[in-house]
Amino acid sequence: MTQVERVLDYLQAGKKLTCLNAFNELGITQVAARIYELKEAGHNVLSRRIKVTNRYNERCSVSEYYMERSDVR
């Protein structure tokens, strides 16, 4: 299974994906590149910026990727 397939399966399961859980759960370090590939292939992957706290207890924002319920299996 390719990284793109893993990301697509994850999103189609109704889960939300960030760079951190992409690494921890899927072993993918360049999730934005995989999202780009999915979009280029015609998948309706959406994103929004969310606030998180980093390991230094600082607030920062990251992209969270998801698919609408009508887009998922």
C-alpha atoms as a PDB file:
ATOM      1  CA  MET A   1       0.000   0.000   0.000  1.00  0.00           C
ATOM      2  CA  THR A   2       1.352   3.426  -0.921  1.00  0.00           C
ATOM      3  CA  GLN A   3       1.429   6.458   1.360  1.00  0.00           C
ATOM      4  CA  VAL A   4      -1.277   8.109  -0.747  1.00  0.00           C
ATOM      5  CA  GLU A   5      -3.499   5.040  -0.344  1.00  0.00           C
ATOM      6  CA  ARG A   6      -2.924   5.033   3.430  1.00  0.00           C
ATOM      7  CA  VAL A   7      -3.865   8.717   3.675  1.00  0.00           C
ATOM      8  CA  LEU A   8      -6.957   8.219   1.514  1.00  0.00           C
ATOM      9  CA  ASP A   9      -8.124   5.225   3.584  1.00  0.00           C
ATOM     10  CA  TYR A  10      -7.572   7.207   6.782  1.00  0.00           C
ATOM     11  CA  LEU A  11      -9.567  10.212   5.567  1.00  0.00           C
ATOM     12  CA  GLN A  12     -12.328   8.081   4.057  1.00  0.00           C
ATOM     13  CA  ALA A  13     -12.735   6.430   7.468  1.00  0.00           C
ATOM     14  CA  GLY A  14     -13.880   9.844   8.706  1.00  0.00           C
ATOM     15  CA  LYS A  15     -10.667  10.640  10.576  1.00  0.00           C
ATOM     16  CA  LYS A  16      -8.874  13.986  10.623  1.00  0.00           C
ATOM     17  CA  LEU A  17      -5.190  14.162   9.758  1.00  0.00           C
ATOM     18  CA  THR A  18      -2.445  16.535  10.908  1.00  0.00           C
ATOM     19  CA  CYS A  19       1.302  16.346  10.336  1.00  0.00           C
ATOM     20  CA  LEU A  20       1.745  14.847  13.817  1.00  0.00           C
ATOM     21  CA  ASN A  21      -0.784  12.043  13.614  1.00  0.00           C
ATOM     22  CA  ALA A  22       0.252  11.366   9.985  1.00  0.00           C
ATOM     23  CA  PHE A  23       3.720  10.607  11.327  1.00  0.00           C
ATOM     24  CA  ASN A  24       2.594   8.755  14.464  1.00  0.00           C
ATOM     25  CA  GLU A  25      -0.211   6.685  12.938  1.00  0.00           C
ATOM     26  CA  LEU A  26       0.770   6.320   9.282  1.00  0.00           C
ATOM     27  CA  GLY A  27       4.553   6.815   9.251  1.00  0.00           C
ATOM     28  CA  ILE A  28       4.269   9.697   6.775  1.00  0.00           C
ATOM     29  CA  THR A  29       6.445  12.796   7.195  1.00  0.00           C
ATOM     30  CA  GLN A  30       5.339  14.894   4.204  1.00  0.00           C
ATOM     31  CA  VAL A  31       1.583  14.721   4.553  1.00  0.00           C
ATOM     32  CA  ALA A  32       1.004  17.969   2.621  1.00  0.00           C
ATOM     33  CA  ALA A  33       2.614  16.396  -0.449  1.00  0.00           C
ATOM     34  CA  ARG A  34       0.353  13.336  -0.182  1.00  0.00           C
ATOM     35  CA  ILE A  35      -2.704  15.616   0.196  1.00  0.00           C
ATOM     36  CA  TYR A  36      -1.626  17.511  -2.924  1.00  0.00           C
ATOM     37  CA  GLU A  37      -1.405  14.232  -4.837  1.00  0.00           C
ATOM     38  CA  LEU A  38      -4.886  13.233  -3.676  1.00  0.00           C
ATOM     39  CA  LYS A  39      -6.309  16.586  -4.758  1.00  0.00           C
ATOM     40  CA  GLU A  40      -4.579  16.291  -8.138  1.00  0.00           C
ATOM     41  CA  ALA A  41      -6.234  12.872  -8.523  1.00  0.00           C
ATOM     42  CA  GLY A  42      -9.637  14.500  -7.982  1.00  0.00           C
ATOM     43  CA  HIS A  43     -10.318  13.728  -4.319  1.00  0.00           C
ATOM     44  CA  ASN A  44     -12.130  16.428  -2.361  1.00  0.00           C
ATOM     45  CA  VAL A  45      -9.762  16.772   0.604  1.00  0.00           C
ATOM     46  CA  LEU A  46     -10.484  19.829   2.728  1.00  0.00           C
ATOM     47  CA  SER A  47      -8.297  21.562   5.282  1.00  0.00           C
ATOM     48  CA  ARG A  48      -8.514  24.091   8.052  1.00  0.00           C
ATOM     49  CA  ARG A  49      -6.015  25.669  10.415  1.00  0.00           C
ATOM     50  CA  ILE A  50      -6.282  24.591  14.042  1.00  0.00           C
ATOM     51  CA  LYS A  51      -4.450  25.780  17.145  1.00  0.00           C
ATOM     52  CA  VAL A  52      -2.299  23.267  19.012  1.00  0.00           C
ATOM     53  CA  THR A  53       0.250  23.406  21.810  1.00  0.00           C
ATOM     54  CA  ASN A  54       3.747  22.265  20.849  1.00  0.00           C
ATOM     55  CA  ARG A  55       6.261  20.438  23.039  1.00  0.00           C
ATOM     56  CA  TYR A  56       7.525  23.779  24.389  1.00  0.00           C
ATOM     57  CA  ASN A  57       4.030  24.671  25.597  1.00  0.00           C
ATOM     58  CA  GLU A  58       3.710  27.302  22.850  1.00  0.00           C
ATOM     59  CA  ARG A  59       0.508  27.846  20.878  1.00  0.00           C
ATOM     60  CA  CYS A  60       0.858  27.407  17.130  1.00  0.00           C
ATOM     61  CA  SER A  61      -1.355  26.490  14.205  1.00  0.00           C
ATOM     62  CA  VAL A  62      -1.225  23.472  11.917  1.00  0.00           C
ATOM     63  CA  SER A  63      -3.297  22.233   9.000  1.00  0.00           C
ATOM     64  CA  GLU A  64      -5.915  19.596   9.692  1.00  0.00           C
ATOM     65  CA  TYR A  65      -7.088  17.599   6.670  1.00  0.00           C
ATOM     66  CA  TYR A  66     -10.458  15.884   6.371  1.00  0.00           C
ATOM     67  CA  MET A  67     -13.140  14.793   3.951  1.00  0.00           C
ATOM     68  CA  GLU A  68     -16.825  15.663   4.143  1.00  0.00           C
ATOM     69  CA  ARG A  69     -19.110  12.807   5.137  1.00  0.00           C
ATOM     70  CA  SER A  70     -20.506  12.555   1.592  1.00  0.00           C
ATOM     71  CA  ASP A  71     -16.920  12.013   0.339  1.00  0.00           C
ATOM     72  CA  VAL A  72     -16.203   9.088   2.650  1.00  0.00           C
ATOM     73  CA  ARG A  73     -17.129   5.443   2.216  1.00  0.00           C
END
